[in-house]
């Protein structure tokens, strides 16, 4: 049984960007559950695995919240896991002014969009030593509220009144990813995954498609190589043009194991070419691990954008 706690900063970019840090250090001690950088291998071979992560971001002040609660169980060659992610949420708000000539006034209208990924479920199977095949299902929910100008007619007097009305929508999406990984040697492992293989939406009737989350079908090829027993090099390349490169090392300390890692990420939707750097540190004992993971983006992710710019670029 393994217990793990991770503390991280906001770090979500391309499909394989891993909030646990990347690559996972050359150790079998208490990794936290996650499938972002390897769709076929949620966690190592512990019989039971429990983990939690806390995430925050720092601008003018620190904002933080519980990010994930995860649990996994192995049954022989089969493993299952479930992940609850209350922290995987983002809200966008936009305001606009609209002239109402018939009433000689200006109306202030707002559009708000909330995205969440509350749940994920996964299953992996190892048909023989070194090979793993897995599938992950993730559930996304949205809340869209759009204020609009509408005309109402008084049936008694036939007077026309211009009012602000709010249309609300609550679409949701199930997404399925698949992956396979093979450890050819003790120091070399390759993985191949396909994100957004199946995307099933419901409750999206009447919603402007530009308001909806966008799911780009993405192939992911990965390699982890240990040139030395305590050193790991990792890389992920996506068919979108994104990539993820990192290095991690570990050594014994105070009866446990201390791991250090650093990664760089390229995201096809972001500038500059190298979009983010991700340092990580982790200390693991026999039945627990605690890690701190950060992400520094080389662009201003807090800049104001217009609604038209948002709808054109979308959220992935």
C-alpha atoms as a PDB file:
ATOM      1  CA  UNK A   1       0.000   0.000   0.000  1.00  0.00           C
ATOM      2  CA  UNK A   2       1.244   3.474  -0.856  1.00  0.00           C
ATOM      3  CA  UNK A   3       0.185   6.925   0.337  1.00  0.00           C
ATOM      4  CA  UNK A   4       1.317   9.969  -1.621  1.00  0.00           C
ATOM      5  CA  UNK A   5       0.880  13.732  -1.390  1.00  0.00           C
ATOM      6  CA  UNK A   6       1.814  16.181  -4.111  1.00  0.00           C
ATOM      7  CA  UNK A   7       1.883  19.983  -4.015  1.00  0.00           C
ATOM      8  CA  UNK A   8       2.052  21.684  -7.389  1.00  0.00           C
ATOM      9  CA  UNK A   9       1.524  24.957  -9.175  1.00  0.00           C
ATOM     10  CA  UNK A  10      -0.921  25.280 -12.068  1.00  0.00           C
ATOM     11  CA  UNK A  11       0.591  23.272 -14.915  1.00  0.00           C
ATOM     12  CA  UNK A  12      -1.638  22.178 -17.754  1.00  0.00           C
ATOM     13  CA  UNK A  13      -0.627  22.561 -21.355  1.00  0.00           C
ATOM     14  CA  UNK A  14      -0.460  19.885 -24.059  1.00  0.00           C
ATOM     15  CA  UNK A  15      -1.943  16.408 -23.602  1.00  0.00           C
ATOM     16  CA  UNK A  16       1.177  14.869 -22.027  1.00  0.00           C
ATOM     17  CA  UNK A  17       1.989  17.717 -19.606  1.00  0.00           C
ATOM     18  CA  UNK A  18       2.133  15.864 -16.278  1.00  0.00           C
ATOM     19  CA  UNK A  19       1.215  17.695 -13.028  1.00  0.00           C
ATOM     20  CA  UNK A  20       3.262  15.101 -11.081  1.00  0.00           C
ATOM     21  CA  UNK A  21       6.500  16.277 -12.720  1.00  0.00           C
ATOM     22  CA  UNK A  22       8.326  14.680 -15.619  1.00  0.00           C
ATOM     23  CA  UNK A  23       9.823  12.201 -16.037  1.00  0.00           C
ATOM     24  CA  UNK A  24       8.873  10.082 -13.070  1.00  0.00           C
ATOM     25  CA  UNK A  25      12.177   9.510 -11.222  1.00  0.00           C
ATOM     26  CA  UNK A  26      14.108   6.214 -11.539  1.00  0.00           C
ATOM     27  CA  UNK A  27      12.459   4.712  -8.468  1.00  0.00           C
ATOM     28  CA  UNK A  28       9.626   2.350  -7.624  1.00  0.00           C
ATOM     29  CA  UNK A  29       8.834   4.239  -4.428  1.00  0.00           C
ATOM     30  CA  UNK A  30       5.375   5.749  -4.176  1.00  0.00           C
ATOM     31  CA  UNK A  31       4.618   7.553  -7.433  1.00  0.00           C
ATOM     32  CA  UNK A  32       1.357   9.485  -7.427  1.00  0.00           C
ATOM     33  CA  UNK A  33      -1.452   8.390  -9.734  1.00  0.00           C
ATOM     34  CA  UNK A  34      -1.609  10.071 -13.117  1.00  0.00           C
ATOM     35  CA  UNK A  35      -1.904   9.215 -16.783  1.00  0.00           C
ATOM     36  CA  UNK A  36      -1.036  12.450 -18.577  1.00  0.00           C
ATOM     37  CA  UNK A  37       2.471  11.445 -19.677  1.00  0.00           C
ATOM     38  CA  UNK A  38       1.786   7.707 -20.102  1.00  0.00           C
ATOM     39  CA  UNK A  39      -1.720   6.586 -21.023  1.00  0.00           C
ATOM     40  CA  UNK A  40      -0.929   2.910 -20.348  1.00  0.00           C
ATOM     41  CA  UNK A  41       0.699   3.158 -16.916  1.00  0.00           C
ATOM     42  CA  UNK A  42      -1.223   4.931 -14.186  1.00  0.00           C
ATOM     43  CA  UNK A  43       1.157   3.936 -11.383  1.00  0.00           C
ATOM     44  CA  UNK A  44       3.635   1.255 -10.358  1.00  0.00           C
ATOM     45  CA  UNK A  45       2.914  -2.182  -8.982  1.00  0.00           C
ATOM     46  CA  UNK A  46       1.650  -1.423  -5.486  1.00  0.00           C
ATOM     47  CA  UNK A  47      -1.281  -3.574  -4.410  1.00  0.00           C
ATOM     48  CA  UNK A  48      -3.209  -0.522  -3.143  1.00  0.00           C
ATOM     49  CA  UNK A  49      -2.432   3.112  -3.911  1.00  0.00           C
ATOM     50  CA  UNK A  50      -3.895   6.313  -2.420  1.00  0.00           C
ATOM     51  CA  UNK A  51      -2.763   9.818  -3.322  1.00  0.00           C
ATOM     52  CA  UNK A  52      -3.773  13.461  -2.992  1.00  0.00           C
ATOM     53  CA  UNK A  53      -2.441  16.665  -4.506  1.00  0.00           C
ATOM     54  CA  UNK A  54      -2.792  20.338  -3.643  1.00  0.00           C
ATOM     55  CA  UNK A  55      -2.394  22.948  -6.361  1.00  0.00           C
ATOM     56  CA  UNK A  56      -1.891  26.670  -6.302  1.00  0.00           C
ATOM     57  CA  UNK A  57      -0.847  29.604  -8.432  1.00  0.00           C
ATOM     58  CA  UNK A  58       0.953  32.762  -7.523  1.00  0.00           C
ATOM     59  CA  UNK A  59       0.263  36.162  -9.040  1.00  0.00           C
ATOM     60  CA  UNK A  60      -0.300  39.137  -6.771  1.00  0.00           C
ATOM     61  CA  UNK A  61      -1.060  36.587  -4.070  1.00  0.00           C
ATOM     62  CA  UNK A  62      -1.223  32.835  -3.579  1.00  0.00           C
ATOM     63  CA  UNK A  63      -4.338  30.916  -4.635  1.00  0.00           C
ATOM     64  CA  UNK A  64      -4.585  27.258  -3.709  1.00  0.00           C
ATOM     65  CA  UNK A  65      -7.012  24.337  -3.528  1.00  0.00           C
ATOM     66  CA  UNK A  66      -7.192  20.584  -3.352  1.00  0.00           C
ATOM     67  CA  UNK A  67      -6.341  19.334  -6.824  1.00  0.00           C
ATOM     68  CA  UNK A  68      -6.868  15.557  -6.808  1.00  0.00           C
ATOM     69  CA  UNK A  69      -7.848  12.576  -4.703  1.00  0.00           C
ATOM     70  CA  UNK A  70      -6.923   9.252  -6.298  1.00  0.00           C
ATOM     71  CA  UNK A  71      -7.133   5.567  -5.486  1.00  0.00           C
ATOM     72  CA  UNK A  72      -5.866   2.496  -7.320  1.00  0.00           C
ATOM     73  CA  UNK A  73      -5.995  -1.272  -6.844  1.00  0.00           C
ATOM     74  CA  UNK A  74      -4.119  -4.122  -8.496  1.00  0.00           C
ATOM     75  CA  UNK A  75      -5.744  -7.487  -9.159  1.00  0.00           C
ATOM     76  CA  UNK A  76      -3.034  -9.763 -10.514  1.00  0.00           C
ATOM     77  CA  UNK A  77      -2.255  -8.512 -14.018  1.00  0.00           C
ATOM     78  CA  UNK A  78      -5.098  -5.970 -13.907  1.00  0.00           C
ATOM     79  CA  UNK A  79      -5.201  -2.546 -12.256  1.00  0.00           C
ATOM     80  CA  UNK A  80      -8.001  -0.030 -11.890  1.00  0.00           C
ATOM     81  CA  UNK A  81      -7.981   3.532 -10.583  1.00  0.00           C
ATOM     82  CA  UNK A  82     -10.341   6.435  -9.994  1.00  0.00           C
ATOM     83  CA  UNK A  83      -9.383  10.099  -9.698  1.00  0.00           C
ATOM     84  CA  UNK A  84     -11.467  12.964  -8.330  1.00  0.00           C
ATOM     85  CA  UNK A  85     -10.201  16.392  -9.432  1.00  0.00           C
ATOM     86  CA  UNK A  86     -12.009  19.273  -7.742  1.00  0.00           C
ATOM     87  CA  UNK A  87      -9.100  21.567  -8.627  1.00  0.00           C
ATOM     88  CA  UNK A  88      -9.255  20.923 -12.375  1.00  0.00           C
ATOM     89  CA  UNK A  89     -11.542  23.865 -13.082  1.00  0.00           C
ATOM     90  CA  UNK A  90     -11.335  27.180 -14.876  1.00  0.00           C
ATOM     91  CA  UNK A  91     -13.707  30.123 -15.172  1.00  0.00           C
ATOM     92  CA  UNK A  92     -13.792  32.760 -17.906  1.00  0.00           C
ATOM     93  CA  UNK A  93     -15.867  35.936 -17.756  1.00  0.00           C
ATOM     94  CA  UNK A  94     -16.501  38.576 -20.435  1.00  0.00           C
ATOM     95  CA  UNK A  95     -18.396  41.866 -20.440  1.00  0.00           C
ATOM     96  CA  UNK A  96     -19.755  43.877 -23.349  1.00  0.00           C
ATOM     97  CA  UNK A  97     -21.778  47.049 -23.882  1.00  0.00           C
ATOM     98  CA  UNK A  98     -24.683  47.032 -26.326  1.00  0.00           C
ATOM     99  CA  UNK A  99     -26.578  50.115 -27.507  1.00  0.00           C
ATOM    100  CA  UNK A 100     -30.391  49.952 -27.194  1.00  0.00           C
ATOM    101  CA  UNK A 101     -31.487  52.800 -29.533  1.00  0.00           C
ATOM    102  CA  UNK A 102     -35.222  52.429 -28.868  1.00  0.00           C
ATOM    103  CA  UNK A 103     -34.631  53.179 -25.167  1.00  0.00           C
ATOM    104  CA  UNK A 104     -31.660  55.517 -25.572  1.00  0.00           C
ATOM    105  CA  UNK A 105     -29.490  53.498 -23.219  1.00  0.00           C
ATOM    106  CA  UNK A 106     -26.570  51.103 -23.104  1.00  0.00           C
ATOM    107  CA  UNK A 107     -26.959  47.563 -21.767  1.00  0.00           C
ATOM    108  CA  UNK A 108     -24.113  45.777 -20.022  1.00  0.00           C
ATOM    109  CA  UNK A 109     -24.068  42.082 -20.954  1.00  0.00           C
ATOM    110  CA  UNK A 110     -21.902  39.326 -19.546  1.00  0.00           C
ATOM    111  CA  UNK A 111     -20.838  35.883 -20.744  1.00  0.00           C
ATOM    112  CA  UNK A 112     -19.440  33.398 -18.236  1.00  0.00           C
ATOM    113  CA  UNK A 113     -18.024  29.961 -19.005  1.00  0.00           C
ATOM    114  CA  UNK A 114     -16.935  27.376 -16.423  1.00  0.00           C
ATOM    115  CA  UNK A 115     -14.990  24.246 -17.341  1.00  0.00           C
ATOM    116  CA  UNK A 116     -14.370  21.292 -14.995  1.00  0.00           C
ATOM    117  CA  UNK A 117     -12.857  17.817 -15.142  1.00  0.00           C
ATOM    118  CA  UNK A 118     -14.269  16.254 -11.961  1.00  0.00           C
ATOM    119  CA  UNK A 119     -13.671  12.549 -12.574  1.00  0.00           C
ATOM    120  CA  UNK A 120     -11.382  10.109 -14.352  1.00  0.00           C
ATOM    121  CA  UNK A 121     -11.385   6.310 -14.395  1.00  0.00           C
ATOM    122  CA  UNK A 122      -8.679   4.003 -15.696  1.00  0.00           C
ATOM    123  CA  UNK A 123      -7.859   0.376 -16.369  1.00  0.00           C
ATOM    124  CA  UNK A 124      -4.567  -1.280 -17.333  1.00  0.00           C
ATOM    125  CA  UNK A 125      -3.707  -4.856 -18.215  1.00  0.00           C
ATOM    126  CA  UNK A 126      -0.322  -6.553 -18.424  1.00  0.00           C
ATOM    127  CA  UNK A 127      -0.605  -9.605 -20.727  1.00  0.00           C
ATOM    128  CA  UNK A 128       3.054 -10.456 -20.119  1.00  0.00           C
ATOM    129  CA  UNK A 129       6.040  -8.975 -18.333  1.00  0.00           C
ATOM    130  CA  UNK A 130       7.091  -5.594 -19.662  1.00  0.00           C
ATOM    131  CA  UNK A 131       3.913  -4.888 -21.652  1.00  0.00           C
ATOM    132  CA  UNK A 132       0.987  -2.781 -20.433  1.00  0.00           C
ATOM    133  CA  UNK A 133      -2.187  -1.810 -22.236  1.00  0.00           C
ATOM    134  CA  UNK A 134      -4.521   0.777 -20.765  1.00  0.00           C
ATOM    135  CA  UNK A 135      -7.579   2.937 -21.265  1.00  0.00           C
ATOM    136  CA  UNK A 136      -8.707   6.055 -19.430  1.00  0.00           C
ATOM    137  CA  UNK A 137     -12.120   7.713 -19.357  1.00  0.00           C
ATOM    138  CA  UNK A 138     -12.436  11.347 -18.292  1.00  0.00           C
ATOM    139  CA  UNK A 139     -15.602  13.321 -17.603  1.00  0.00           C
ATOM    140  CA  UNK A 140     -15.821  17.053 -18.350  1.00  0.00           C
ATOM    141  CA  UNK A 141     -18.612  19.412 -17.343  1.00  0.00           C
ATOM    142  CA  UNK A 142     -19.354  22.969 -18.472  1.00  0.00           C
ATOM    143  CA  UNK A 143     -21.648  25.774 -17.397  1.00  0.00           C
ATOM    144  CA  UNK A 144     -22.294  28.490 -19.972  1.00  0.00           C
ATOM    145  CA  UNK A 145     -24.341  31.619 -19.212  1.00  0.00           C
ATOM    146  CA  UNK A 146     -24.893  34.174 -21.978  1.00  0.00           C
ATOM    147  CA  UNK A 147     -26.780  37.443 -21.460  1.00  0.00           C
ATOM    148  CA  UNK A 148     -28.650  38.714 -24.522  1.00  0.00           C
ATOM    149  CA  UNK A 149     -30.977  41.541 -25.490  1.00  0.00           C
ATOM    150  CA  UNK A 150     -34.554  40.363 -25.995  1.00  0.00           C
ATOM    151  CA  UNK A 151     -37.861  42.042 -26.777  1.00  0.00           C
ATOM    152  CA  UNK A 152     -40.977  41.235 -24.754  1.00  0.00           C
ATOM    153  CA  UNK A 153     -44.529  42.281 -25.667  1.00  0.00           C
ATOM    154  CA  UNK A 154     -47.234  43.143 -23.132  1.00  0.00           C
ATOM    155  CA  UNK A 155     -50.264  41.256 -24.487  1.00  0.00           C
ATOM    156  CA  UNK A 156     -52.658  43.725 -22.867  1.00  0.00           C
ATOM    157  CA  UNK A 157     -51.162  46.995 -24.115  1.00  0.00           C
ATOM    158  CA  UNK A 158     -48.930  45.623 -26.892  1.00  0.00           C
ATOM    159  CA  UNK A 159     -46.059  47.687 -25.534  1.00  0.00           C
ATOM    160  CA  UNK A 160     -42.608  46.383 -26.435  1.00  0.00           C
ATOM    161  CA  UNK A 161     -39.995  46.266 -23.698  1.00  0.00           C
ATOM    162  CA  UNK A 162     -36.305  45.561 -24.248  1.00  0.00           C
ATOM    163  CA  UNK A 163     -34.836  43.397 -21.474  1.00  0.00           C
ATOM    164  CA  UNK A 164     -31.697  41.435 -20.721  1.00  0.00           C
ATOM    165  CA  UNK A 165     -32.204  37.667 -20.659  1.00  0.00           C
ATOM    166  CA  UNK A 166     -29.739  34.979 -19.642  1.00  0.00           C
ATOM    167  CA  UNK A 167     -29.476  31.711 -21.520  1.00  0.00           C
ATOM    168  CA  UNK A 168     -27.831  28.893 -19.579  1.00  0.00           C
ATOM    169  CA  UNK A 169     -26.408  25.630 -20.868  1.00  0.00           C
ATOM    170  CA  UNK A 170     -24.782  22.689 -19.073  1.00  0.00           C
ATOM    171  CA  UNK A 171     -23.122  20.420 -21.646  1.00  0.00           C
ATOM    172  CA  UNK A 172     -20.839  17.561 -20.611  1.00  0.00           C
ATOM    173  CA  UNK A 173     -18.352  15.308 -22.366  1.00  0.00           C
ATOM    174  CA  UNK A 174     -16.920  11.834 -21.898  1.00  0.00           C
ATOM    175  CA  UNK A 175     -13.476  11.339 -23.397  1.00  0.00           C
ATOM    176  CA  UNK A 176     -11.581   8.051 -23.873  1.00  0.00           C
ATOM    177  CA  UNK A 177      -7.794   7.653 -24.299  1.00  0.00           C
ATOM    178  CA  UNK A 178      -5.829   4.469 -24.985  1.00  0.00           C
ATOM    179  CA  UNK A 179      -2.155   3.593 -24.635  1.00  0.00           C
ATOM    180  CA  UNK A 180       0.409   0.830 -24.650  1.00  0.00           C
ATOM    181  CA  UNK A 181       3.861   0.758 -23.067  1.00  0.00           C
ATOM    182  CA  UNK A 182       6.677  -1.768 -23.346  1.00  0.00           C
ATOM    183  CA  UNK A 183       9.780  -2.063 -21.196  1.00  0.00           C
ATOM    184  CA  UNK A 184      12.292  -3.675 -23.532  1.00  0.00           C
ATOM    185  CA  UNK A 185      15.102  -3.542 -20.974  1.00  0.00           C
ATOM    186  CA  UNK A 186      15.472  -2.525 -17.355  1.00  0.00           C
ATOM    187  CA  UNK A 187      16.791   0.867 -18.492  1.00  0.00           C
ATOM    188  CA  UNK A 188      14.554   1.490 -21.529  1.00  0.00           C
ATOM    189  CA  UNK A 189      10.786   1.849 -21.906  1.00  0.00           C
ATOM    190  CA  UNK A 190       8.700   3.109 -24.835  1.00  0.00           C
ATOM    191  CA  UNK A 191       5.046   4.140 -24.894  1.00  0.00           C
ATOM    192  CA  UNK A 192       2.465   4.935 -27.533  1.00  0.00           C
ATOM    193  CA  UNK A 193      -0.873   6.576 -26.802  1.00  0.00           C
ATOM    194  CA  UNK A 194      -3.828   8.152 -28.504  1.00  0.00           C
ATOM    195  CA  UNK A 195      -5.678  10.907 -26.664  1.00  0.00           C
ATOM    196  CA  UNK A 196      -9.286  11.807 -27.487  1.00  0.00           C
ATOM    197  CA  UNK A 197      -9.914   8.548 -29.318  1.00  0.00           C
ATOM    198  CA  UNK A 198     -13.602   8.818 -28.418  1.00  0.00           C
ATOM    199  CA  UNK A 199     -15.365  12.077 -27.495  1.00  0.00           C
ATOM    200  CA  UNK A 200     -19.050  11.783 -26.608  1.00  0.00           C
ATOM    201  CA  UNK A 201     -20.975  14.967 -25.790  1.00  0.00           C
ATOM    202  CA  UNK A 202     -24.484  15.469 -24.449  1.00  0.00           C
ATOM    203  CA  UNK A 203     -26.587  18.441 -23.433  1.00  0.00           C
ATOM    204  CA  UNK A 204     -24.887  20.693 -25.986  1.00  0.00           C
ATOM    205  CA  UNK A 205     -27.979  21.457 -28.096  1.00  0.00           C
ATOM    206  CA  UNK A 206     -28.291  25.181 -28.735  1.00  0.00           C
ATOM    207  CA  UNK A 207     -24.812  26.007 -27.416  1.00  0.00           C
ATOM    208  CA  UNK A 208     -22.512  28.058 -29.620  1.00  0.00           C
ATOM    209  CA  UNK A 209     -19.823  25.484 -30.587  1.00  0.00           C
ATOM    210  CA  UNK A 210     -17.177  28.124 -29.911  1.00  0.00           C
ATOM    211  CA  UNK A 211     -18.102  27.988 -26.204  1.00  0.00           C
ATOM    212  CA  UNK A 212     -17.429  24.252 -25.939  1.00  0.00           C
ATOM    213  CA  UNK A 213     -14.216  22.555 -24.931  1.00  0.00           C
ATOM    214  CA  UNK A 214     -12.204  21.388 -27.919  1.00  0.00           C
ATOM    215  CA  UNK A 215     -10.664  17.929 -28.099  1.00  0.00           C
ATOM    216  CA  UNK A 216      -7.867  17.478 -30.611  1.00  0.00           C
ATOM    217  CA  UNK A 217      -7.194  13.805 -31.525  1.00  0.00           C
ATOM    218  CA  UNK A 218      -3.543  13.419 -30.572  1.00  0.00           C
ATOM    219  CA  UNK A 219      -1.007  10.633 -30.898  1.00  0.00           C
ATOM    220  CA  UNK A 220       1.742  10.560 -28.251  1.00  0.00           C
ATOM    221  CA  UNK A 221       5.051   8.710 -28.530  1.00  0.00           C
ATOM    222  CA  UNK A 222       7.275   8.480 -25.486  1.00  0.00           C
ATOM    223  CA  UNK A 223      10.650   7.099 -24.401  1.00  0.00           C
ATOM    224  CA  UNK A 224      12.205   6.833 -20.946  1.00  0.00           C
ATOM    225  CA  UNK A 225      15.889   5.906 -20.789  1.00  0.00           C
ATOM    226  CA  UNK A 226      18.152   5.423 -17.761  1.00  0.00           C
ATOM    227  CA  UNK A 227      21.772   5.956 -18.883  1.00  0.00           C
ATOM    228  CA  UNK A 228      22.817   5.507 -15.237  1.00  0.00           C
ATOM    229  CA  UNK A 229      21.074   3.650 -12.386  1.00  0.00           C
ATOM    230  CA  UNK A 230      20.012   6.925 -10.714  1.00  0.00           C
ATOM    231  CA  UNK A 231      19.431   9.061 -13.812  1.00  0.00           C
ATOM    232  CA  UNK A 232      16.417   9.097 -16.129  1.00  0.00           C
ATOM    233  CA  UNK A 233      15.878  10.952 -19.403  1.00  0.00           C
ATOM    234  CA  UNK A 234      12.338  11.243 -20.714  1.00  0.00           C
ATOM    235  CA  UNK A 235      10.669  12.552 -23.830  1.00  0.00           C
ATOM    236  CA  UNK A 236       7.170  12.777 -25.279  1.00  0.00           C
ATOM    237  CA  UNK A 237       6.326  13.904 -28.818  1.00  0.00           C
ATOM    238  CA  UNK A 238       2.778  14.611 -29.955  1.00  0.00           C
ATOM    239  CA  UNK A 239       1.312  14.625 -33.443  1.00  0.00           C
ATOM    240  CA  UNK A 240       0.151  18.213 -32.830  1.00  0.00           C
ATOM    241  CA  UNK A 241       3.787  19.379 -32.751  1.00  0.00           C
ATOM    242  CA  UNK A 242       4.008  19.638 -28.972  1.00  0.00           C
ATOM    243  CA  UNK A 243       6.776  17.899 -27.057  1.00  0.00           C
ATOM    244  CA  UNK A 244       7.945  17.344 -23.498  1.00  0.00           C
ATOM    245  CA  UNK A 245      11.569  16.733 -22.469  1.00  0.00           C
ATOM    246  CA  UNK A 246      12.873  16.102 -18.971  1.00  0.00           C
ATOM    247  CA  UNK A 247      15.540  14.669 -16.709  1.00  0.00           C
ATOM    248  CA  UNK A 248      15.247  13.239 -13.181  1.00  0.00           C
ATOM    249  CA  UNK A 249      17.653  11.807 -10.648  1.00  0.00           C
ATOM    250  CA  UNK A 250      17.295  10.260  -7.203  1.00  0.00           C
ATOM    251  CA  UNK A 251      19.515   9.345  -4.269  1.00  0.00           C
ATOM    252  CA  UNK A 252      19.193   7.918  -0.775  1.00  0.00           C
ATOM    253  CA  UNK A 253      18.588  10.315   2.094  1.00  0.00           C
ATOM    254  CA  UNK A 254      17.519   9.817   5.735  1.00  0.00           C
ATOM    255  CA  UNK A 255      16.311   6.296   5.127  1.00  0.00           C
ATOM    256  CA  UNK A 256      14.233   7.352   2.141  1.00  0.00           C
ATOM    257  CA  UNK A 257      14.801   8.632  -1.361  1.00  0.00           C
ATOM    258  CA  UNK A 258      15.081  12.200  -2.619  1.00  0.00           C
ATOM    259  CA  UNK A 259      14.338  12.852  -6.286  1.00  0.00           C
ATOM    260  CA  UNK A 260      14.974  15.977  -8.357  1.00  0.00           C
ATOM    261  CA  UNK A 261      13.601  16.663 -11.810  1.00  0.00           C
ATOM    262  CA  UNK A 262      13.391  19.349 -14.486  1.00  0.00           C
ATOM    263  CA  UNK A 263      11.415  19.461 -17.735  1.00  0.00           C
ATOM    264  CA  UNK A 264      10.709  21.794 -20.643  1.00  0.00           C
ATOM    265  CA  UNK A 265       7.474  21.830 -22.642  1.00  0.00           C
ATOM    266  CA  UNK A 266       6.540  22.973 -26.114  1.00  0.00           C
ATOM    267  CA  UNK A 267       2.803  23.537 -26.681  1.00  0.00           C
ATOM    268  CA  UNK A 268       1.473  24.055 -30.201  1.00  0.00           C
ATOM    269  CA  UNK A 269      -1.055  26.614 -28.962  1.00  0.00           C
ATOM    270  CA  UNK A 270       1.405  28.807 -27.068  1.00  0.00           C
ATOM    271  CA  UNK A 271       4.373  31.093 -27.575  1.00  0.00           C
ATOM    272  CA  UNK A 272       7.339  31.244 -27.236  1.00  0.00           C
ATOM    273  CA  UNK A 273       8.583  27.982 -28.786  1.00  0.00           C
ATOM    274  CA  UNK A 274       9.474  26.569 -25.350  1.00  0.00           C
ATOM    275  CA  UNK A 275       6.296  27.437 -23.476  1.00  0.00           C
ATOM    276  CA  UNK A 276       7.105  26.327 -19.922  1.00  0.00           C
ATOM    277  CA  UNK A 277       9.722  24.946 -17.538  1.00  0.00           C
ATOM    278  CA  UNK A 278       8.772  22.478 -14.797  1.00  0.00           C
ATOM    279  CA  UNK A 279      11.029  21.765 -11.782  1.00  0.00           C
ATOM    280  CA  UNK A 280      10.093  19.084  -9.252  1.00  0.00           C
ATOM    281  CA  UNK A 281      11.357  17.618  -5.990  1.00  0.00           C
ATOM    282  CA  UNK A 282      10.090  14.549  -4.150  1.00  0.00           C
ATOM    283  CA  UNK A 283      10.903  12.644  -0.984  1.00  0.00           C
ATOM    284  CA  UNK A 284       9.635   9.073  -0.681  1.00  0.00           C
ATOM    285  CA  UNK A 285       9.631   6.621   2.197  1.00  0.00           C
ATOM    286  CA  UNK A 286       8.496   3.007   2.192  1.00  0.00           C
ATOM    287  CA  UNK A 287       4.763   3.775   2.282  1.00  0.00           C
ATOM    288  CA  UNK A 288       4.488   7.490   1.518  1.00  0.00           C
ATOM    289  CA  UNK A 289       5.806  10.208  -0.748  1.00  0.00           C
ATOM    290  CA  UNK A 290       5.531  13.987  -0.826  1.00  0.00           C
ATOM    291  CA  UNK A 291       6.429  16.064  -3.862  1.00  0.00           C
ATOM    292  CA  UNK A 292       6.479  19.714  -4.867  1.00  0.00           C
ATOM    293  CA  UNK A 293       6.057  20.486  -8.574  1.00  0.00           C
ATOM    294  CA  UNK A 294       6.094  23.908 -10.195  1.00  0.00           C
ATOM    295  CA  UNK A 295       5.545  25.338 -13.642  1.00  0.00           C
ATOM    296  CA  UNK A 296       6.877  28.601 -15.004  1.00  0.00           C
ATOM    297  CA  UNK A 297       5.332  29.840 -18.250  1.00  0.00           C
ATOM    298  CA  UNK A 298       7.326  32.156 -20.473  1.00  0.00           C
ATOM    299  CA  UNK A 299       4.217  34.061 -21.595  1.00  0.00           C
ATOM    300  CA  UNK A 300       1.684  36.161 -19.700  1.00  0.00           C
ATOM    301  CA  UNK A 301      -1.162  33.748 -18.899  1.00  0.00           C
ATOM    302  CA  UNK A 302      -3.099  36.441 -17.010  1.00  0.00           C
ATOM    303  CA  UNK A 303      -3.414  38.927 -19.887  1.00  0.00           C
ATOM    304  CA  UNK A 304      -6.908  40.152 -20.792  1.00  0.00           C
ATOM    305  CA  UNK A 305      -8.345  38.949 -24.093  1.00  0.00           C
ATOM    306  CA  UNK A 306     -11.498  39.829 -25.986  1.00  0.00           C
ATOM    307  CA  UNK A 307     -14.439  37.436 -26.233  1.00  0.00           C
ATOM    308  CA  UNK A 308     -13.963  37.167 -30.004  1.00  0.00           C
ATOM    309  CA  UNK A 309     -10.293  36.191 -29.457  1.00  0.00           C
ATOM    310  CA  UNK A 310     -11.325  33.606 -26.870  1.00  0.00           C
ATOM    311  CA  UNK A 311     -13.997  32.067 -29.093  1.00  0.00           C
ATOM    312  CA  UNK A 312     -11.608  31.956 -32.042  1.00  0.00           C
ATOM    313  CA  UNK A 313      -8.789  30.233 -30.130  1.00  0.00           C
ATOM    314  CA  UNK A 314     -10.972  28.073 -27.874  1.00  0.00           C
ATOM    315  CA  UNK A 315     -10.084  26.019 -24.817  1.00  0.00           C
ATOM    316  CA  UNK A 316      -8.476  22.590 -25.227  1.00  0.00           C
END
